[in-house]
Amino acid sequence: MPLQQVRIAESIAAELRARILNADEGAVLPKQDEIVAEFQVSYPSVREALRILETEGLITVRRGNLGGSQVRRPDAGSAAYSLGLALQAARVQLSDLSDAVVRLEPMCAAMCVENADQDKVLPKLRQNIEETRALLDDEPQFLMKAREFHDLLVTSAGNKTTELMVRSLVALWSSQEEAVEETMAAHGETHTRENREAVIDAHAKIVARMEAGDAAGAERAVRRHNEAVRDLYISRVDGNEIVDAASARARRSFQSLV
C-alpha cells in the first residue's frame, strides 16, 4: 500500500477511534460507502482504517449484505487481558505478580476508609462475610464468594484508575489460584475448614479496622491476609513459573470484570 494511502488510513482510523471511545455500547459505525463519502477517500483506505481498528479490538467487522462494523468499546475485561498478555510476554513470574497484588490491594482498603461513600461500602462487605460464612462447607462456592470480598474492596476505593489497574492484577492472580485449586482437587486435596474459617476471620478484622476509621490498620490487615494467601498458593507451585494470561481460565476471569 502506498505511503500516502497508509497515512490516509491512519487519519481515518484516528477519527473513527475517537468516535468509538465516545460512543454508547453496541453502536455501529457507518457502512464503508458512507465513510468513503464522508472522508472523500478511496475504498482501500477505508478498508485499511477498519482493519487497523479491528486489530486493536475496537470493532468487529461483519461481512455480507447485512454487514457493518460493530463497536467494541474497551472495558475492564479487555484492559485486564491486554495487561495480562503484556506480563506474560515479558515473562513475569507468578511470585512477581503475587507480590504486586500483596502490595497494591491493601492500598485500596485504606482508600475505602477515606472514601466519602464508606457507609455504602461497609454493609456490602459485612453481607459478603455472612454469605461466605454460610458456604463454609461448600468449598468451590466459598472460594468464589471469598474472592468477591477482595473485588468489593478494590471497586470501592473511589479512584477509577486504581480500580482498573488493581482489578486487572487481582483477576489475573485469581485465575492462577484457580489453577492450583483444580490441581489440588484432582489429587483429592482441599483447603481445610480451619483455613476457610481463617479467611472469614481475616475479612472480619479488615472490616473492623475500616469501621473504626483506621485506614492504616485496614491496610495492614489486608496485607497480612494477602501474604498468608500468597504463601499458601506459591508453596504449591513454582514461583518462577510464568504468568499465564492466554488460557481459557484467565480469559474467563477477565470477562467477569464489569
C-alpha atoms as a PDB file:
ATOM      1  CA  MET A   1       0.000   0.000   0.000  1.00  0.00           C
ATOM      2  CA  PRO A   2       1.451   3.424  -0.970  1.00  0.00           C
ATOM      3  CA  LEU A   3       2.703   5.540   1.940  1.00  0.00           C
ATOM      4  CA  GLN A   4       0.181   8.297   1.270  1.00  0.00           C
ATOM      5  CA  GLN A   5      -2.676   5.795   1.380  1.00  0.00           C
ATOM      6  CA  VAL A   6      -1.335   4.392   4.668  1.00  0.00           C
ATOM      7  CA  ARG A   7      -1.311   7.874   6.183  1.00  0.00           C
ATOM      8  CA  ILE A   8      -4.861   8.500   4.999  1.00  0.00           C
ATOM      9  CA  ALA A   9      -5.984   5.197   6.548  1.00  0.00           C
ATOM     10  CA  GLU A  10      -4.305   6.108   9.844  1.00  0.00           C
ATOM     11  CA  SER A  11      -6.028   9.517   9.843  1.00  0.00           C
ATOM     12  CA  ILE A  12      -9.427   7.921   9.217  1.00  0.00           C
ATOM     13  CA  ALA A  13      -8.741   5.326  11.927  1.00  0.00           C
ATOM     14  CA  ALA A  14      -7.807   8.083  14.382  1.00  0.00           C
ATOM     15  CA  GLU A  15     -11.087   9.929  13.773  1.00  0.00           C
ATOM     16  CA  LEU A  16     -13.183   6.754  13.978  1.00  0.00           C
ATOM     17  CA  ARG A  17     -11.285   5.646  17.088  1.00  0.00           C
ATOM     18  CA  ALA A  18     -12.210   8.890  18.843  1.00  0.00           C
ATOM     19  CA  ARG A  19     -15.871   8.350  17.933  1.00  0.00           C
ATOM     20  CA  ILE A  20     -15.796   4.785  19.213  1.00  0.00           C
ATOM     21  CA  LEU A  21     -14.373   5.792  22.578  1.00  0.00           C
ATOM     22  CA  ASN A  22     -17.207   8.307  22.978  1.00  0.00           C
ATOM     23  CA  ALA A  23     -19.955   6.051  21.626  1.00  0.00           C
ATOM     24  CA  ASP A  24     -22.533   4.027  23.524  1.00  0.00           C
ATOM     25  CA  GLU A  25     -22.091   0.256  23.851  1.00  0.00           C
ATOM     26  CA  GLY A  26     -23.483  -1.599  20.824  1.00  0.00           C
ATOM     27  CA  ALA A  27     -23.133   1.359  18.473  1.00  0.00           C
ATOM     28  CA  VAL A  28     -22.432   0.632  14.799  1.00  0.00           C
ATOM     29  CA  LEU A  29     -20.075   2.588  12.578  1.00  0.00           C
ATOM     30  CA  PRO A  30     -21.320   3.893   9.231  1.00  0.00           C
ATOM     31  CA  LYS A  31     -21.018   1.498   6.293  1.00  0.00           C
ATOM     32  CA  GLN A  32     -17.965   1.714   4.064  1.00  0.00           C
ATOM     33  CA  ASP A  33     -19.888   3.636   1.381  1.00  0.00           C
ATOM     34  CA  GLU A  34     -20.828   6.273   3.931  1.00  0.00           C
ATOM     35  CA  ILE A  35     -17.287   6.563   5.295  1.00  0.00           C
ATOM     36  CA  VAL A  36     -15.897   6.911   1.768  1.00  0.00           C
ATOM     37  CA  ALA A  37     -18.394   9.684   1.045  1.00  0.00           C
ATOM     38  CA  GLU A  38     -17.772  11.472   4.345  1.00  0.00           C
ATOM     39  CA  PHE A  39     -13.971  11.482   4.136  1.00  0.00           C
ATOM     40  CA  GLN A  40     -13.770  11.691   0.326  1.00  0.00           C
ATOM     41  CA  VAL A  41     -11.233   8.881   0.169  1.00  0.00           C
ATOM     42  CA  SER A  42     -10.817   5.566  -1.633  1.00  0.00           C
ATOM     43  CA  TYR A  43     -12.271   2.221  -0.557  1.00  0.00           C
ATOM     44  CA  PRO A  44      -8.815   0.685   0.055  1.00  0.00           C
ATOM     45  CA  SER A  45      -8.024   3.492   2.519  1.00  0.00           C
ATOM     46  CA  VAL A  46     -11.283   2.905   4.386  1.00  0.00           C
ATOM     47  CA  ARG A  47     -10.776  -0.866   4.456  1.00  0.00           C
ATOM     48  CA  GLU A  48      -7.276  -0.366   5.839  1.00  0.00           C
ATOM     49  CA  ALA A  49      -8.608   2.024   8.512  1.00  0.00           C
ATOM     50  CA  LEU A  50     -11.190  -0.559   9.552  1.00  0.00           C
ATOM     51  CA  ARG A  51      -8.534  -3.266   9.590  1.00  0.00           C
ATOM     52  CA  ILE A  52      -6.483  -1.118  11.992  1.00  0.00           C
ATOM     53  CA  LEU A  53      -9.447  -0.709  14.336  1.00  0.00           C
ATOM     54  CA  GLU A  54     -10.323  -4.401  14.118  1.00  0.00           C
ATOM     55  CA  THR A  55      -6.752  -5.350  15.001  1.00  0.00           C
ATOM     56  CA  GLU A  56      -6.977  -3.061  18.025  1.00  0.00           C
ATOM     57  CA  GLY A  57     -10.142  -4.878  19.080  1.00  0.00           C
ATOM     58  CA  LEU A  58     -12.278  -1.753  18.822  1.00  0.00           C
ATOM     59  CA  ILE A  59     -14.664  -3.096  16.183  1.00  0.00           C
ATOM     60  CA  THR A  60     -15.989  -6.392  14.902  1.00  0.00           C
ATOM     61  CA  VAL A  61     -16.410  -6.392  11.127  1.00  0.00           C
ATOM     62  CA  ARG A  62     -19.369  -8.384   9.824  1.00  0.00           C
ATOM     63  CA  ARG A  63     -19.207  -9.351   6.158  1.00  0.00           C
ATOM     64  CA  GLY A  64     -22.082  -9.750   3.709  1.00  0.00           C
ATOM     65  CA  ASN A  65     -25.133  -7.744   2.703  1.00  0.00           C
ATOM     66  CA  LEU A  66     -26.096  -7.132   6.313  1.00  0.00           C
ATOM     67  CA  GLY A  67     -22.539  -6.451   7.317  1.00  0.00           C
ATOM     68  CA  GLY A  68     -21.113  -3.494   9.121  1.00  0.00           C
ATOM     69  CA  SER A  69     -18.652  -2.603  11.831  1.00  0.00           C
ATOM     70  CA  GLN A  70     -19.948  -3.077  15.344  1.00  0.00           C
ATOM     71  CA  VAL A  71     -18.262  -1.035  18.031  1.00  0.00           C
ATOM     72  CA  ARG A  72     -16.494  -2.842  20.887  1.00  0.00           C
ATOM     73  CA  ARG A  73     -15.632  -0.201  23.453  1.00  0.00           C
ATOM     74  CA  PRO A  74     -12.689  -1.135  25.713  1.00  0.00           C
ATOM     75  CA  ASP A  75     -13.705  -2.234  29.206  1.00  0.00           C
ATOM     76  CA  ALA A  76     -12.100  -3.582  32.362  1.00  0.00           C
ATOM     77  CA  GLY A  77     -12.001  -7.092  30.906  1.00  0.00           C
ATOM     78  CA  SER A  78     -10.209  -6.117  27.717  1.00  0.00           C
ATOM     79  CA  ALA A  79      -7.776  -3.917  29.662  1.00  0.00           C
ATOM     80  CA  ALA A  80      -7.014  -6.766  32.060  1.00  0.00           C
ATOM     81  CA  TYR A  81      -6.459  -9.163  29.175  1.00  0.00           C
ATOM     82  CA  SER A  82      -4.055  -6.768  27.438  1.00  0.00           C
ATOM     83  CA  LEU A  83      -2.147  -6.199  30.668  1.00  0.00           C
ATOM     84  CA  GLY A  84      -2.008  -9.929  31.305  1.00  0.00           C
ATOM     85  CA  LEU A  85      -0.641 -10.633  27.841  1.00  0.00           C
ATOM     86  CA  ALA A  86       1.997  -7.944  28.319  1.00  0.00           C
ATOM     87  CA  LEU A  87       3.072  -9.544  31.608  1.00  0.00           C
ATOM     88  CA  GLN A  88       3.199 -12.989  30.007  1.00  0.00           C
ATOM     89  CA  ALA A  89       5.197 -11.681  27.042  1.00  0.00           C
ATOM     90  CA  ALA A  90       7.632 -10.060  29.476  1.00  0.00           C
ATOM     91  CA  ARG A  91       7.938 -13.469  31.180  1.00  0.00           C
ATOM     92  CA  VAL A  92       6.788 -12.103  34.518  1.00  0.00           C
ATOM     93  CA  GLN A  93       6.836 -14.787  37.200  1.00  0.00           C
ATOM     94  CA  LEU A  94       3.954 -15.740  39.475  1.00  0.00           C
ATOM     95  CA  SER A  95       5.944 -14.612  42.502  1.00  0.00           C
ATOM     96  CA  ASP A  96       6.266 -11.156  40.941  1.00  0.00           C
ATOM     97  CA  LEU A  97       2.526 -10.941  40.195  1.00  0.00           C
ATOM     98  CA  SER A  98       1.541 -12.102  43.676  1.00  0.00           C
ATOM     99  CA  ASP A  99       3.886  -9.560  45.246  1.00  0.00           C
ATOM    100  CA  ALA A 100       2.211  -6.771  43.263  1.00  0.00           C
ATOM    101  CA  VAL A 101      -1.235  -7.855  44.490  1.00  0.00           C
ATOM    102  CA  VAL A 102       0.023  -8.088  48.086  1.00  0.00           C
ATOM    103  CA  ARG A 103       1.333  -4.520  47.885  1.00  0.00           C
ATOM    104  CA  LEU A 104      -1.398  -2.794  45.883  1.00  0.00           C
ATOM    105  CA  GLU A 105      -4.684  -4.246  47.140  1.00  0.00           C
ATOM    106  CA  PRO A 106      -4.119  -3.095  50.757  1.00  0.00           C
ATOM    107  CA  MET A 107      -3.857   0.458  49.454  1.00  0.00           C
ATOM    108  CA  CYS A 108      -7.433   0.096  48.177  1.00  0.00           C
ATOM    109  CA  ALA A 109      -8.644  -0.795  51.671  1.00  0.00           C
ATOM    110  CA  ALA A 110      -7.108   2.402  53.033  1.00  0.00           C
ATOM    111  CA  MET A 111      -8.718   4.367  50.223  1.00  0.00           C
ATOM    112  CA  CYS A 112     -12.091   2.806  51.099  1.00  0.00           C
ATOM    113  CA  VAL A 113     -11.796   4.194  54.635  1.00  0.00           C
ATOM    114  CA  GLU A 114     -11.106   7.652  53.237  1.00  0.00           C
ATOM    115  CA  ASN A 115     -13.882   7.342  50.655  1.00  0.00           C
ATOM    116  CA  ALA A 116     -16.917   9.539  51.284  1.00  0.00           C
ATOM    117  CA  ASP A 117     -19.143   6.596  50.310  1.00  0.00           C
ATOM    118  CA  GLN A 118     -17.773   4.338  53.047  1.00  0.00           C
ATOM    119  CA  ASP A 119     -21.252   3.979  54.561  1.00  0.00           C
ATOM    120  CA  LYS A 120     -22.297   2.234  51.341  1.00  0.00           C
ATOM    121  CA  VAL A 121     -19.208   0.029  51.257  1.00  0.00           C
ATOM    122  CA  LEU A 122     -19.267  -1.444  54.765  1.00  0.00           C
ATOM    123  CA  PRO A 123     -22.758  -3.038  54.536  1.00  0.00           C
ATOM    124  CA  LYS A 124     -21.728  -4.778  51.315  1.00  0.00           C
ATOM    125  CA  LEU A 125     -18.573  -6.140  52.933  1.00  0.00           C
ATOM    126  CA  ARG A 126     -20.477  -7.338  56.021  1.00  0.00           C
ATOM    127  CA  GLN A 127     -23.050  -9.054  53.822  1.00  0.00           C
ATOM    128  CA  ASN A 128     -20.289 -10.758  51.853  1.00  0.00           C
ATOM    129  CA  ILE A 129     -18.749 -12.093  55.067  1.00  0.00           C
ATOM    130  CA  GLU A 130     -22.083 -13.566  56.166  1.00  0.00           C
ATOM    131  CA  GLU A 131     -22.669 -15.127  52.753  1.00  0.00           C
ATOM    132  CA  THR A 132     -19.142 -16.550  52.798  1.00  0.00           C
ATOM    133  CA  ARG A 133     -19.689 -17.964  56.293  1.00  0.00           C
ATOM    134  CA  ALA A 134     -22.843 -19.716  55.082  1.00  0.00           C
ATOM    135  CA  LEU A 135     -20.759 -21.507  52.422  1.00  0.00           C
ATOM    136  CA  LEU A 136     -18.115 -22.900  54.785  1.00  0.00           C
ATOM    137  CA  ASP A 137     -18.935 -26.488  53.796  1.00  0.00           C
ATOM    138  CA  ASP A 138     -19.130 -25.805  50.049  1.00  0.00           C
ATOM    139  CA  GLU A 139     -15.513 -25.166  49.143  1.00  0.00           C
ATOM    140  CA  PRO A 140     -15.876 -24.105  45.461  1.00  0.00           C
ATOM    141  CA  GLN A 141     -18.688 -21.653  46.253  1.00  0.00           C
ATOM    142  CA  PHE A 142     -16.875 -20.498  49.385  1.00  0.00           C
ATOM    143  CA  LEU A 143     -13.742 -19.612  47.431  1.00  0.00           C
ATOM    144  CA  MET A 144     -15.750 -17.758  44.788  1.00  0.00           C
ATOM    145  CA  LYS A 145     -17.618 -15.718  47.416  1.00  0.00           C
ATOM    146  CA  ALA A 146     -14.410 -15.019  49.353  1.00  0.00           C
ATOM    147  CA  ARG A 147     -12.820 -13.587  46.196  1.00  0.00           C
ATOM    148  CA  GLU A 148     -15.795 -11.257  45.812  1.00  0.00           C
ATOM    149  CA  PHE A 149     -14.769  -9.624  49.102  1.00  0.00           C
ATOM    150  CA  HIS A 150     -11.499  -8.525  47.540  1.00  0.00           C
ATOM    151  CA  ASP A 151     -13.242  -7.279  44.419  1.00  0.00           C
ATOM    152  CA  LEU A 152     -15.545  -5.163  46.600  1.00  0.00           C
ATOM    153  CA  LEU A 153     -12.527  -3.624  48.318  1.00  0.00           C
ATOM    154  CA  VAL A 154     -10.901  -2.672  45.043  1.00  0.00           C
ATOM    155  CA  THR A 155     -14.042  -1.354  43.337  1.00  0.00           C
ATOM    156  CA  SER A 156     -14.873   0.790  46.382  1.00  0.00           C
ATOM    157  CA  ALA A 157     -11.532   2.574  46.514  1.00  0.00           C
ATOM    158  CA  GLY A 158     -13.025   5.671  44.898  1.00  0.00           C
ATOM    159  CA  ASN A 159     -10.407   6.050  42.154  1.00  0.00           C
ATOM    160  CA  LYS A 160     -11.191   4.613  38.717  1.00  0.00           C
ATOM    161  CA  THR A 161      -7.563   4.379  37.577  1.00  0.00           C
ATOM    162  CA  THR A 162      -6.536   2.469  40.697  1.00  0.00           C
ATOM    163  CA  GLU A 163      -9.599   0.255  40.398  1.00  0.00           C
ATOM    164  CA  LEU A 164      -8.856  -0.716  36.797  1.00  0.00           C
ATOM    165  CA  MET A 165      -5.195  -1.470  37.400  1.00  0.00           C
ATOM    166  CA  VAL A 166      -5.601  -3.422  40.637  1.00  0.00           C
ATOM    167  CA  ARG A 167      -8.711  -5.328  39.499  1.00  0.00           C
ATOM    168  CA  SER A 168      -6.776  -6.452  36.429  1.00  0.00           C
ATOM    169  CA  LEU A 169      -3.945  -7.814  38.550  1.00  0.00           C
ATOM    170  CA  VAL A 170      -6.295  -9.417  41.086  1.00  0.00           C
ATOM    171  CA  ALA A 171      -8.283 -11.090  38.300  1.00  0.00           C
ATOM    172  CA  LEU A 172      -5.090 -12.474  36.784  1.00  0.00           C
ATOM    173  CA  TRP A 173      -3.842 -13.734  40.146  1.00  0.00           C
ATOM    174  CA  SER A 174      -7.255 -15.290  40.891  1.00  0.00           C
ATOM    175  CA  SER A 175      -7.026 -17.327  37.688  1.00  0.00           C
ATOM    176  CA  GLN A 176      -3.641 -18.650  38.848  1.00  0.00           C
ATOM    177  CA  GLU A 177      -5.197 -19.551  42.222  1.00  0.00           C
ATOM    178  CA  GLU A 178      -7.974 -21.437  40.435  1.00  0.00           C
ATOM    179  CA  ALA A 179      -5.388 -23.432  38.505  1.00  0.00           C
ATOM    180  CA  VAL A 180      -3.812 -24.514  41.800  1.00  0.00           C
ATOM    181  CA  GLU A 181      -7.234 -25.407  43.215  1.00  0.00           C
ATOM    182  CA  GLU A 182      -8.018 -27.580  40.194  1.00  0.00           C
ATOM    183  CA  THR A 183      -4.725 -29.412  40.657  1.00  0.00           C
ATOM    184  CA  MET A 184      -5.466 -29.891  44.344  1.00  0.00           C
ATOM    185  CA  ALA A 185      -8.966 -31.231  43.584  1.00  0.00           C
ATOM    186  CA  ALA A 186      -7.534 -33.659  41.031  1.00  0.00           C
ATOM    187  CA  HIS A 187      -5.348 -35.099  43.816  1.00  0.00           C
ATOM    188  CA  GLY A 188      -8.205 -35.207  46.299  1.00  0.00           C
ATOM    189  CA  GLU A 189      -6.855 -32.271  48.298  1.00  0.00           C
ATOM    190  CA  THR A 190      -8.949 -29.453  49.727  1.00  0.00           C
ATOM    191  CA  HIS A 191      -8.495 -26.376  51.850  1.00  0.00           C
ATOM    192  CA  THR A 192      -9.176 -27.376  55.437  1.00  0.00           C
ATOM    193  CA  ARG A 193     -12.181 -25.989  57.280  1.00  0.00           C
ATOM    194  CA  GLU A 194      -9.665 -24.293  59.579  1.00  0.00           C
ATOM    195  CA  ASN A 195      -8.181 -22.488  56.576  1.00  0.00           C
ATOM    196  CA  ARG A 196     -11.623 -21.382  55.425  1.00  0.00           C
ATOM    197  CA  GLU A 197     -12.503 -20.112  58.888  1.00  0.00           C
ATOM    198  CA  ALA A 198      -9.204 -18.187  58.928  1.00  0.00           C
ATOM    199  CA  VAL A 199     -10.256 -16.409  55.722  1.00  0.00           C
ATOM    200  CA  ILE A 200     -13.545 -15.296  57.278  1.00  0.00           C
ATOM    201  CA  ASP A 201     -11.728 -14.141  60.407  1.00  0.00           C
ATOM    202  CA  ALA A 202      -9.251 -12.145  58.306  1.00  0.00           C
ATOM    203  CA  HIS A 203     -12.054 -10.485  56.354  1.00  0.00           C
ATOM    204  CA  ALA A 204     -13.872  -9.618  59.596  1.00  0.00           C
ATOM    205  CA  LYS A 205     -10.712  -7.991  61.016  1.00  0.00           C
ATOM    206  CA  ILE A 206     -10.352  -5.898  57.861  1.00  0.00           C
ATOM    207  CA  VAL A 207     -13.930  -4.642  58.155  1.00  0.00           C
ATOM    208  CA  ALA A 208     -13.454  -3.936  61.883  1.00  0.00           C
ATOM    209  CA  ARG A 209     -10.476  -1.683  61.102  1.00  0.00           C
ATOM    210  CA  MET A 210     -12.486   0.069  58.415  1.00  0.00           C
ATOM    211  CA  GLU A 211     -15.441   0.584  60.761  1.00  0.00           C
ATOM    212  CA  ALA A 212     -13.056   2.166  63.262  1.00  0.00           C
ATOM    213  CA  GLY A 213     -11.892   4.589  60.577  1.00  0.00           C
ATOM    214  CA  ASP A 214      -8.382   3.153  60.818  1.00  0.00           C
ATOM    215  CA  ALA A 215      -7.063   3.382  57.253  1.00  0.00           C
ATOM    216  CA  ALA A 216      -3.533   2.281  58.176  1.00  0.00           C
ATOM    217  CA  GLY A 217      -4.888  -0.615  60.238  1.00  0.00           C
ATOM    218  CA  ALA A 218      -7.152  -1.764  57.416  1.00  0.00           C
ATOM    219  CA  GLU A 219      -4.216  -1.621  55.018  1.00  0.00           C
ATOM    220  CA  ARG A 220      -2.064  -3.721  57.368  1.00  0.00           C
ATOM    221  CA  ALA A 221      -4.865  -6.248  57.858  1.00  0.00           C
ATOM    222  CA  VAL A 222      -5.291  -6.742  54.107  1.00  0.00           C
ATOM    223  CA  ARG A 223      -1.542  -7.051  53.628  1.00  0.00           C
ATOM    224  CA  ARG A 224      -1.228  -9.746  56.327  1.00  0.00           C
ATOM    225  CA  HIS A 225      -4.158 -11.650  54.855  1.00  0.00           C
ATOM    226  CA  ASN A 226      -2.831 -11.414  51.295  1.00  0.00           C
ATOM    227  CA  GLU A 227       0.632 -12.517  52.390  1.00  0.00           C
ATOM    228  CA  ALA A 228      -0.841 -15.621  54.040  1.00  0.00           C
ATOM    229  CA  VAL A 229      -2.900 -16.464  50.950  1.00  0.00           C
ATOM    230  CA  ARG A 230       0.056 -15.841  48.640  1.00  0.00           C
ATOM    231  CA  ASP A 231       2.358 -18.065  50.688  1.00  0.00           C
ATOM    232  CA  LEU A 232      -0.265 -20.843  50.667  1.00  0.00           C
ATOM    233  CA  TYR A 233      -0.606 -20.867  46.889  1.00  0.00           C
ATOM    234  CA  ILE A 234       3.016 -20.152  45.994  1.00  0.00           C
ATOM    235  CA  SER A 235       4.033 -23.105  48.184  1.00  0.00           C
ATOM    236  CA  ARG A 236       2.093 -25.367  45.817  1.00  0.00           C
ATOM    237  CA  VAL A 237       3.594 -24.083  42.563  1.00  0.00           C
ATOM    238  CA  ASP A 238       6.924 -22.996  41.213  1.00  0.00           C
ATOM    239  CA  GLY A 239       7.092 -19.279  41.979  1.00  0.00           C
ATOM    240  CA  ASN A 240       9.364 -18.930  38.954  1.00  0.00           C
ATOM    241  CA  GLU A 241       6.549 -20.126  36.693  1.00  0.00           C
ATOM    242  CA  ILE A 242       5.472 -17.554  34.108  1.00  0.00           C
ATOM    243  CA  VAL A 243       2.125 -15.800  34.392  1.00  0.00           C
ATOM    244  CA  ASP A 244      -0.479 -17.395  32.113  1.00  0.00           C
ATOM    245  CA  ALA A 245      -2.919 -14.801  30.746  1.00  0.00           C
ATOM    246  CA  ALA A 246      -3.816 -16.574  27.498  1.00  0.00           C
ATOM    247  CA  SER A 247      -5.555 -19.613  28.991  1.00  0.00           C
ATOM    248  CA  ALA A 248      -9.323 -20.030  28.821  1.00  0.00           C
ATOM    249  CA  ARG A 249      -9.417 -19.839  32.623  1.00  0.00           C
ATOM    250  CA  ALA A 250      -7.656 -16.475  32.685  1.00  0.00           C
ATOM    251  CA  ARG A 251      -9.870 -15.078  29.951  1.00  0.00           C
ATOM    252  CA  ARG A 252     -12.999 -16.108  31.881  1.00  0.00           C
ATOM    253  CA  SER A 253     -11.607 -14.290  34.892  1.00  0.00           C
ATOM    254  CA  PHE A 254     -11.103 -11.132  32.820  1.00  0.00           C
ATOM    255  CA  GLN A 255     -14.570 -11.366  31.292  1.00  0.00           C
ATOM    256  CA  SER A 256     -16.100 -11.391  34.767  1.00  0.00           C
ATOM    257  CA  LEU A 257     -14.900  -7.817  35.293  1.00  0.00           C
ATOM    258  CA  VAL A 258     -17.770  -5.396  34.724  1.00  0.00           C
END
